[in-house]
Amino acid sequence: MTPILLILGGSLFALLGLLHALYTFADISRPRRLVPNDPAVMQAMSSSGVRLARGGTTMWRAWVGFNFSHSLGAILFGSACILVARSLPSLALPKPALLVPVAIAALYLCLAIRYWFRIPAIGIATASLCFLFAWLLY
């Protein structure tokens, strides 16, 4: 049962990351998903530089980059969980090692509850429970 739960939780993370990347990609040419409601804010982001970059990028380009890197992190985390699950019978992994996905998912859940919106929070909560039950049943 543990591998199934790890695959399910990892698949949820990978799916959420993939959707986030697709929405970000679509927003490059036709912004309407992961963008401010107020068009003036998006215009301000496009014309405002980032101090740290000293004119090397705009806030909008940084926003797009942050969204893509966030997507990549979720996809890689989900994929790693799936790979571990597929190798689990032959890995003989110590039980505390399975707390790593539980902890990472819990951190994502805290961020989702505090800063994001309902759909990712529900998906991450579900994946977190899968990882927790996978650890308990291992």
C-alpha atoms as a PDB file:
ATOM      1  CA  MET A   1       0.000   0.000   0.000  1.00  0.00           C
ATOM      2  CA  THR A   2       2.911   2.375   0.725  1.00  0.00           C
ATOM      3  CA  PRO A   3       4.126   2.510  -2.901  1.00  0.00           C
ATOM      4  CA  ILE A   4       0.598   3.227  -4.131  1.00  0.00           C
ATOM      5  CA  LEU A   5       0.212   6.113  -1.685  1.00  0.00           C
ATOM      6  CA  LEU A   6       3.621   7.542  -2.631  1.00  0.00           C
ATOM      7  CA  ILE A   7       2.744   7.309  -6.314  1.00  0.00           C
ATOM      8  CA  LEU A   8      -0.621   8.970  -5.723  1.00  0.00           C
ATOM      9  CA  GLY A   9       0.874  11.814  -3.675  1.00  0.00           C
ATOM     10  CA  GLY A  10       3.751  12.262  -6.119  1.00  0.00           C
ATOM     11  CA  SER A  11       1.352  12.267  -9.055  1.00  0.00           C
ATOM     12  CA  LEU A  12      -0.709  15.018  -7.439  1.00  0.00           C
ATOM     13  CA  PHE A  13       2.391  17.178  -6.972  1.00  0.00           C
ATOM     14  CA  ALA A  14       3.603  16.502 -10.520  1.00  0.00           C
ATOM     15  CA  LEU A  15       0.153  17.259 -11.950  1.00  0.00           C
ATOM     16  CA  LEU A  16      -0.165  20.509 -10.000  1.00  0.00           C
ATOM     17  CA  GLY A  17       3.337  21.516 -11.125  1.00  0.00           C
ATOM     18  CA  LEU A  18       2.562  20.690 -14.745  1.00  0.00           C
ATOM     19  CA  LEU A  19      -0.695  22.671 -14.673  1.00  0.00           C
ATOM     20  CA  HIS A  20       1.131  25.597 -13.078  1.00  0.00           C
ATOM     21  CA  ALA A  21       3.773  25.483 -15.829  1.00  0.00           C
ATOM     22  CA  LEU A  22       1.115  25.305 -18.562  1.00  0.00           C
ATOM     23  CA  TYR A  23      -0.774  28.255 -17.070  1.00  0.00           C
ATOM     24  CA  THR A  24       2.460  30.230 -16.791  1.00  0.00           C
ATOM     25  CA  PHE A  25       3.380  29.424 -20.402  1.00  0.00           C
ATOM     26  CA  ALA A  26      -0.080  30.456 -21.619  1.00  0.00           C
ATOM     27  CA  ASP A  27       0.161  33.700 -19.624  1.00  0.00           C
ATOM     28  CA  ILE A  28       3.249  34.777 -21.551  1.00  0.00           C
ATOM     29  CA  SER A  29       1.254  35.449 -24.709  1.00  0.00           C
ATOM     30  CA  ARG A  30      -2.247  35.871 -23.294  1.00  0.00           C
ATOM     31  CA  PRO A  31      -2.140  36.752 -19.578  1.00  0.00           C
ATOM     32  CA  ARG A  32      -5.337  35.666 -17.817  1.00  0.00           C
ATOM     33  CA  ARG A  33      -4.599  33.034 -15.143  1.00  0.00           C
ATOM     34  CA  LEU A  34      -1.652  33.677 -12.830  1.00  0.00           C
ATOM     35  CA  VAL A  35      -1.782  37.437 -13.228  1.00  0.00           C
ATOM     36  CA  PRO A  36      -3.144  40.368 -11.226  1.00  0.00           C
ATOM     37  CA  ASN A  37      -6.809  41.259 -11.708  1.00  0.00           C
ATOM     38  CA  ASP A  38      -5.884  44.882 -12.251  1.00  0.00           C
ATOM     39  CA  PRO A  39      -4.215  45.371 -15.677  1.00  0.00           C
ATOM     40  CA  ALA A  40      -2.422  48.438 -14.306  1.00  0.00           C
ATOM     41  CA  VAL A  41      -0.559  46.222 -11.826  1.00  0.00           C
ATOM     42  CA  MET A  42       0.627  43.945 -14.613  1.00  0.00           C
ATOM     43  CA  GLN A  43       1.701  46.979 -16.633  1.00  0.00           C
ATOM     44  CA  ALA A  44       3.591  48.291 -13.601  1.00  0.00           C
ATOM     45  CA  MET A  45       5.271  44.883 -13.182  1.00  0.00           C
ATOM     46  CA  SER A  46       6.313  44.972 -16.860  1.00  0.00           C
ATOM     47  CA  SER A  47       7.842  48.413 -16.592  1.00  0.00           C
ATOM     48  CA  SER A  48       9.425  48.086 -13.161  1.00  0.00           C
ATOM     49  CA  GLY A  49      12.914  46.689 -12.759  1.00  0.00           C
ATOM     50  CA  VAL A  50      14.076  44.508  -9.896  1.00  0.00           C
ATOM     51  CA  ARG A  51      16.630  46.298  -7.710  1.00  0.00           C
ATOM     52  CA  LEU A  52      18.664  43.169  -7.145  1.00  0.00           C
ATOM     53  CA  ALA A  53      19.023  42.693 -10.918  1.00  0.00           C
ATOM     54  CA  ARG A  54      20.104  46.324 -11.470  1.00  0.00           C
ATOM     55  CA  GLY A  55      18.083  46.693 -14.652  1.00  0.00           C
ATOM     56  CA  GLY A  56      18.703  43.129 -15.828  1.00  0.00           C
ATOM     57  CA  THR A  57      15.048  42.129 -15.649  1.00  0.00           C
ATOM     58  CA  THR A  58      11.581  43.427 -14.934  1.00  0.00           C
ATOM     59  CA  MET A  59       9.267  42.356 -12.149  1.00  0.00           C
ATOM     60  CA  TRP A  60       7.020  40.703 -14.747  1.00  0.00           C
ATOM     61  CA  ARG A  61       9.865  38.623 -16.202  1.00  0.00           C
ATOM     62  CA  ALA A  62      10.960  37.677 -12.673  1.00  0.00           C
ATOM     63  CA  TRP A  63       7.340  36.703 -11.896  1.00  0.00           C
ATOM     64  CA  VAL A  64       7.220  34.416 -14.931  1.00  0.00           C
ATOM     65  CA  GLY A  65      10.584  32.899 -13.965  1.00  0.00           C
ATOM     66  CA  PHE A  66       9.475  32.343 -10.364  1.00  0.00           C
ATOM     67  CA  ASN A  67       6.337  30.599 -11.592  1.00  0.00           C
ATOM     68  CA  PHE A  68       8.285  28.335 -13.955  1.00  0.00           C
ATOM     69  CA  SER A  69      10.850  27.431 -11.287  1.00  0.00           C
ATOM     70  CA  HIS A  70       8.072  26.780  -8.772  1.00  0.00           C
ATOM     71  CA  SER A  71       6.433  24.466 -11.319  1.00  0.00           C
ATOM     72  CA  LEU A  72       9.699  22.659 -11.932  1.00  0.00           C
ATOM     73  CA  GLY A  73      10.185  22.111  -8.192  1.00  0.00           C
ATOM     74  CA  ALA A  74       6.742  20.545  -7.792  1.00  0.00           C
ATOM     75  CA  ILE A  75       7.242  18.337 -10.864  1.00  0.00           C
ATOM     76  CA  LEU A  76      10.661  17.164  -9.678  1.00  0.00           C
ATOM     77  CA  PHE A  77       9.444  16.508  -6.134  1.00  0.00           C
ATOM     78  CA  GLY A  78       6.466  14.526  -7.407  1.00  0.00           C
ATOM     79  CA  SER A  79       8.646  12.582  -9.835  1.00  0.00           C
ATOM     80  CA  ALA A  80      11.172  11.757  -7.088  1.00  0.00           C
ATOM     81  CA  CYS A  81       8.365  10.399  -4.902  1.00  0.00           C
ATOM     82  CA  ILE A  82       7.133   8.239  -7.771  1.00  0.00           C
ATOM     83  CA  LEU A  83      10.658   6.930  -8.449  1.00  0.00           C
ATOM     84  CA  VAL A  84      11.170   6.073  -4.778  1.00  0.00           C
ATOM     85  CA  ALA A  85       7.810   4.295  -4.708  1.00  0.00           C
ATOM     86  CA  ARG A  86       8.665   2.216  -7.783  1.00  0.00           C
ATOM     87  CA  SER A  87      12.010   1.213  -6.242  1.00  0.00           C
ATOM     88  CA  LEU A  88      10.689   0.721  -2.722  1.00  0.00           C
ATOM     89  CA  PRO A  89      10.520  -3.053  -2.510  1.00  0.00           C
ATOM     90  CA  SER A  90      14.204  -3.377  -3.446  1.00  0.00           C
ATOM     91  CA  LEU A  91      15.448  -0.237  -1.647  1.00  0.00           C
ATOM     92  CA  ALA A  92      14.974  -1.363   1.963  1.00  0.00           C
ATOM     93  CA  LEU A  93      14.607   2.289   2.900  1.00  0.00           C
ATOM     94  CA  PRO A  94      14.647   3.100   6.629  1.00  0.00           C
ATOM     95  CA  LYS A  95      11.241   4.298   7.855  1.00  0.00           C
ATOM     96  CA  PRO A  96      12.486   7.782   8.916  1.00  0.00           C
ATOM     97  CA  ALA A  97      13.533   8.439   5.296  1.00  0.00           C
ATOM     98  CA  LEU A  98       9.864   8.471   4.320  1.00  0.00           C
ATOM     99  CA  LEU A  99       9.376  11.456   6.595  1.00  0.00           C
ATOM    100  CA  VAL A 100      11.202  13.580   4.007  1.00  0.00           C
ATOM    101  CA  PRO A 101       8.251  13.711   1.571  1.00  0.00           C
ATOM    102  CA  VAL A 102       5.906  14.218   4.529  1.00  0.00           C
ATOM    103  CA  ALA A 103       7.953  17.225   5.697  1.00  0.00           C
ATOM    104  CA  ILE A 104       8.303  18.734   2.214  1.00  0.00           C
ATOM    105  CA  ALA A 105       4.591  18.309   1.533  1.00  0.00           C
ATOM    106  CA  ALA A 106       3.783  19.874   4.914  1.00  0.00           C
ATOM    107  CA  LEU A 107       5.897  22.920   4.018  1.00  0.00           C
ATOM    108  CA  TYR A 108       4.134  23.230   0.659  1.00  0.00           C
ATOM    109  CA  LEU A 109       0.806  22.922   2.480  1.00  0.00           C
ATOM    110  CA  CYS A 110       1.700  25.737   4.883  1.00  0.00           C
ATOM    111  CA  LEU A 111       2.613  27.938   1.906  1.00  0.00           C
ATOM    112  CA  ALA A 112      -0.571  26.988   0.061  1.00  0.00           C
ATOM    113  CA  ILE A 113      -2.787  27.801   3.033  1.00  0.00           C
ATOM    114  CA  ARG A 114      -1.025  31.084   3.753  1.00  0.00           C
ATOM    115  CA  TYR A 115      -0.280  32.442   0.284  1.00  0.00           C
ATOM    116  CA  TRP A 116      -1.995  30.546  -2.522  1.00  0.00           C
ATOM    117  CA  PHE A 117      -5.556  29.593  -3.355  1.00  0.00           C
ATOM    118  CA  ARG A 118      -7.990  26.763  -2.746  1.00  0.00           C
ATOM    119  CA  ILE A 119      -7.293  24.260  -5.565  1.00  0.00           C
ATOM    120  CA  PRO A 120      -3.560  23.848  -4.888  1.00  0.00           C
ATOM    121  CA  ALA A 121      -4.221  23.751  -1.137  1.00  0.00           C
ATOM    122  CA  ILE A 122      -6.709  20.897  -1.560  1.00  0.00           C
ATOM    123  CA  GLY A 123      -4.377  18.973  -3.878  1.00  0.00           C
ATOM    124  CA  ILE A 124      -1.378  19.471  -1.601  1.00  0.00           C
ATOM    125  CA  ALA A 125      -3.398  18.517   1.491  1.00  0.00           C
ATOM    126  CA  THR A 126      -4.474  15.310  -0.258  1.00  0.00           C
ATOM    127  CA  ALA A 127      -0.895  14.520  -1.326  1.00  0.00           C
ATOM    128  CA  SER A 128       0.337  15.279   2.206  1.00  0.00           C
ATOM    129  CA  LEU A 129      -2.135  12.785   3.647  1.00  0.00           C
ATOM    130  CA  CYS A 130      -1.000  10.188   1.104  1.00  0.00           C
ATOM    131  CA  PHE A 131       2.613  10.667   2.201  1.00  0.00           C
ATOM    132  CA  LEU A 132       1.685  10.581   5.882  1.00  0.00           C
ATOM    133  CA  PHE A 133      -0.295   7.345   5.487  1.00  0.00           C
ATOM    134  CA  ALA A 134       2.487   5.864   3.334  1.00  0.00           C
ATOM    135  CA  TRP A 135       4.934   6.531   6.174  1.00  0.00           C
ATOM    136  CA  LEU A 136       2.558   5.136   8.799  1.00  0.00           C
ATOM    137  CA  LEU A 137       1.937   1.965   6.792  1.00  0.00           C
ATOM    138  CA  TYR A 138       5.579   1.354   5.838  1.00  0.00           C
END
